[in-house]
Amino acid sequence: MNILSLAAVAASFTMSLAAQTQAQSGSDELTRGAYLVRIMTCADCHAPRDATGAPDPSRGLVGGNVGFRVPGLAIVWGPNLTPDETGIGGWTVEDVVRALRTGETPEGRGLIPVMPWPAYAGLSDEDATSLAAYLLAQPAVSNRVPEMQGPDDPAPMPYFDLVLPQ
């Protein structure tokens, strides 16, 4: 084997190793994001509920089919968190991180008080980015949840009444 052949083999091996490392890194980020979605109980609001009323995370974070009435404020349904136009389609990783940390959508709309973004504001950069990357890597599912309703408006879908501590 001449020196040029040896250099070509070495370059090919190096590029393959770099691609493998990058793929592993991306996989680690998505694994971490999936873990965070689970422990942060995102499915409690953003996944449909089954016949017993329990969240069904196996159906994905496609939006809640049971809303929450926040006394004196509104009735809300957890939005679709898939990268579909009815969800967070068009959002970037930075947009998701911003929403997690500031409670504001890319359009400047504030998230509802039920969304515990003040607690999520303390996520490390790595965790916030992993969570965002995971959400944006999910299959896009078209599922438009109802618009926010006034607290006394008729609701188009079932909802829970939140009871706030006195």
Protein backbone atom coordinates (compact mmCIF):
# COMPACT_ATOMS: atom_id res chain seq x y z
CA MET A 1 0.00 0.00 0.00
CA ASN A 2 1.49 3.33 -0.98
CA ILE A 3 1.35 6.51 1.08
CA LEU A 4 -1.53 7.99 -0.96
CA SER A 5 -3.68 4.87 -0.45
CA LEU A 6 -2.89 4.91 3.27
CA ALA A 7 -3.83 8.62 3.47
CA ALA A 8 -7.12 7.93 1.65
CA VAL A 9 -7.99 5.09 4.04
CA ALA A 10 -7.10 7.28 7.04
CA ALA A 11 -9.20 10.19 5.73
CA SER A 12 -12.15 7.89 5.06
CA PHE A 13 -11.89 6.40 8.56
CA THR A 14 -11.67 9.87 10.15
CA MET A 15 -14.73 11.14 8.25
CA SER A 16 -16.69 8.01 9.18
CA LEU A 17 -15.74 8.41 12.85
CA ALA A 18 -16.73 12.10 12.79
CA ALA A 19 -20.12 11.28 11.21
CA GLN A 20 -20.68 8.52 13.78
CA THR A 21 -19.81 10.86 16.65
CA GLN A 22 -22.14 13.55 15.29
CA ALA A 23 -25.00 11.03 14.88
CA GLN A 24 -24.39 9.72 18.41
CA SER A 25 -24.40 13.27 19.77
CA GLY A 26 -27.71 14.02 18.03
CA SER A 27 -29.13 10.75 19.32
CA ASP A 28 -28.01 11.61 22.87
CA GLU A 29 -29.69 15.01 22.57
CA LEU A 30 -32.99 13.45 21.46
CA THR A 31 -32.78 10.79 24.18
CA ARG A 32 -32.24 13.54 26.75
CA GLY A 33 -35.16 15.51 25.28
CA ALA A 34 -37.47 12.47 25.50
CA TYR A 35 -36.43 11.99 29.13
CA LEU A 36 -37.16 15.64 29.92
CA VAL A 37 -40.58 15.49 28.24
CA ARG A 38 -41.40 12.50 30.43
CA ILE A 39 -40.20 13.88 33.78
CA MET A 40 -41.63 17.34 33.09
CA THR A 41 -45.01 15.61 32.49
CA CYS A 42 -45.67 17.45 29.21
CA ALA A 43 -48.23 14.78 28.29
CA ASP A 44 -50.46 15.81 31.21
CA CYS A 45 -51.61 18.81 29.15
CA HIS A 46 -50.34 18.23 25.61
CA ALA A 47 -51.47 14.62 24.98
CA PRO A 48 -55.01 13.39 24.45
CA ARG A 49 -56.70 11.67 27.38
CA ASP A 50 -58.16 8.18 27.23
CA ALA A 51 -61.67 7.11 28.26
CA THR A 52 -60.68 7.10 31.94
CA GLY A 53 -59.45 10.70 31.75
CA ALA A 54 -55.78 9.75 32.06
CA PRO A 55 -53.25 11.30 29.65
CA ASP A 56 -52.20 8.92 26.88
CA PRO A 57 -48.58 9.84 26.05
CA SER A 58 -48.42 7.02 23.50
CA ARG A 59 -50.56 9.22 21.21
CA GLY A 60 -47.90 11.93 21.18
CA LEU A 61 -47.93 15.57 22.21
CA VAL A 62 -50.59 16.39 19.62
CA GLY A 63 -52.63 18.60 21.95
CA GLY A 64 -55.05 17.95 24.73
CA ASN A 65 -58.62 16.86 24.19
CA VAL A 66 -59.60 17.90 27.73
CA GLY A 67 -59.05 21.52 28.73
CA PHE A 68 -58.54 23.37 31.99
CA ARG A 69 -60.66 26.20 33.30
CA VAL A 70 -58.48 28.68 35.13
CA PRO A 71 -60.87 30.53 37.49
CA GLY A 72 -61.59 34.07 36.32
CA LEU A 73 -59.24 33.75 33.35
CA ALA A 74 -60.06 31.24 30.62
CA ILE A 75 -60.67 27.68 29.53
CA VAL A 76 -57.61 26.38 27.68
CA TRP A 77 -56.53 23.21 25.93
CA GLY A 78 -52.88 22.15 25.83
CA PRO A 79 -51.63 23.01 22.34
CA ASN A 80 -50.18 20.65 19.78
CA LEU A 81 -46.41 20.44 20.32
CA THR A 82 -45.60 18.67 17.06
CA PRO A 83 -43.91 20.51 14.18
CA ASP A 84 -47.17 20.77 12.24
CA GLU A 85 -48.73 24.11 11.27
CA THR A 86 -51.45 23.39 13.87
CA GLY A 87 -48.71 23.10 16.47
CA ILE A 88 -45.19 24.48 16.63
CA GLY A 89 -44.53 24.15 12.91
CA GLY A 90 -42.28 26.99 11.81
CA TRP A 91 -40.73 27.35 15.27
CA THR A 92 -36.98 26.97 15.66
CA VAL A 93 -35.08 25.42 18.55
CA GLU A 94 -34.42 28.97 19.72
CA ASP A 95 -38.16 29.78 19.61
CA VAL A 96 -38.99 26.76 21.78
CA VAL A 97 -36.21 27.62 24.24
CA ARG A 98 -37.47 31.21 24.42
CA ALA A 99 -41.03 30.02 25.14
CA LEU A 100 -39.73 27.70 27.88
CA ARG A 101 -37.69 30.47 29.48
CA THR A 102 -39.82 33.58 29.01
CA GLY A 103 -43.35 32.26 28.55
CA GLU A 104 -43.63 33.99 25.19
CA THR A 105 -44.32 32.56 21.73
CA PRO A 106 -42.36 33.69 18.66
CA GLU A 107 -45.32 35.98 17.85
CA GLY A 108 -45.01 37.61 21.29
CA ARG A 109 -48.14 36.04 22.80
CA GLY A 110 -47.82 35.12 26.46
CA LEU A 111 -48.34 31.53 27.54
CA ILE A 112 -51.18 30.83 29.95
CA PRO A 113 -50.49 30.64 33.71
CA VAL A 114 -51.09 26.87 33.74
CA MET A 115 -47.89 26.45 31.70
CA PRO A 116 -45.14 26.34 34.35
CA TRP A 117 -42.57 28.21 32.25
CA PRO A 118 -41.16 30.08 35.32
CA ALA A 119 -39.99 26.70 36.63
CA TYR A 120 -38.64 25.74 33.21
CA ALA A 121 -36.74 29.03 32.91
CA GLY A 122 -34.04 27.44 35.06
CA LEU A 123 -33.30 24.64 32.59
CA SER A 124 -29.67 24.42 31.59
CA ASP A 125 -28.86 25.46 28.01
CA GLU A 126 -28.20 21.80 27.18
CA ASP A 127 -31.51 20.60 28.64
CA ALA A 128 -33.58 23.38 27.05
CA THR A 129 -31.98 22.72 23.66
CA SER A 130 -32.43 18.94 23.99
CA LEU A 131 -36.09 19.36 24.86
CA ALA A 132 -36.66 21.70 21.91
CA ALA A 133 -34.77 19.43 19.51
CA TYR A 134 -36.83 16.45 20.65
CA LEU A 135 -40.15 18.26 20.12
CA LEU A 136 -39.12 19.45 16.66
CA ALA A 137 -37.94 15.94 15.70
CA GLN A 138 -41.36 14.38 16.34
CA PRO A 139 -43.66 13.51 13.45
CA ALA A 140 -45.85 16.45 12.47
CA VAL A 141 -49.48 15.70 13.30
CA SER A 142 -52.30 17.96 12.21
CA ASN A 143 -54.50 18.50 15.26
CA ARG A 144 -56.00 21.90 15.96
CA VAL A 145 -57.13 22.23 19.57
CA PRO A 146 -59.91 24.66 20.52
CA GLU A 147 -59.08 28.32 20.92
CA MET A 148 -58.95 29.70 24.44
CA GLN A 149 -62.45 30.45 25.74
CA GLY A 150 -63.59 32.96 28.32
CA PRO A 151 -64.04 31.45 31.80
CA ASP A 152 -67.84 31.46 31.46
CA ASP A 153 -68.10 30.78 27.71
CA PRO A 154 -69.54 27.47 26.49
CA ALA A 155 -66.70 25.04 25.89
CA PRO A 156 -66.47 23.07 22.62
CA MET A 157 -64.76 20.16 24.41
CA PRO A 158 -64.62 18.83 27.97
CA TYR A 159 -62.48 20.55 30.58
CA PHE A 160 -61.37 20.26 34.20
CA ASP A 161 -61.96 23.02 36.71
CA LEU A 162 -58.71 24.05 38.37
CA VAL A 163 -59.06 24.81 42.04
CA LEU A 164 -56.53 27.33 43.20
CA PRO A 165 -55.30 27.29 46.81
CA GLN A 166 -56.84 29.96 49.02
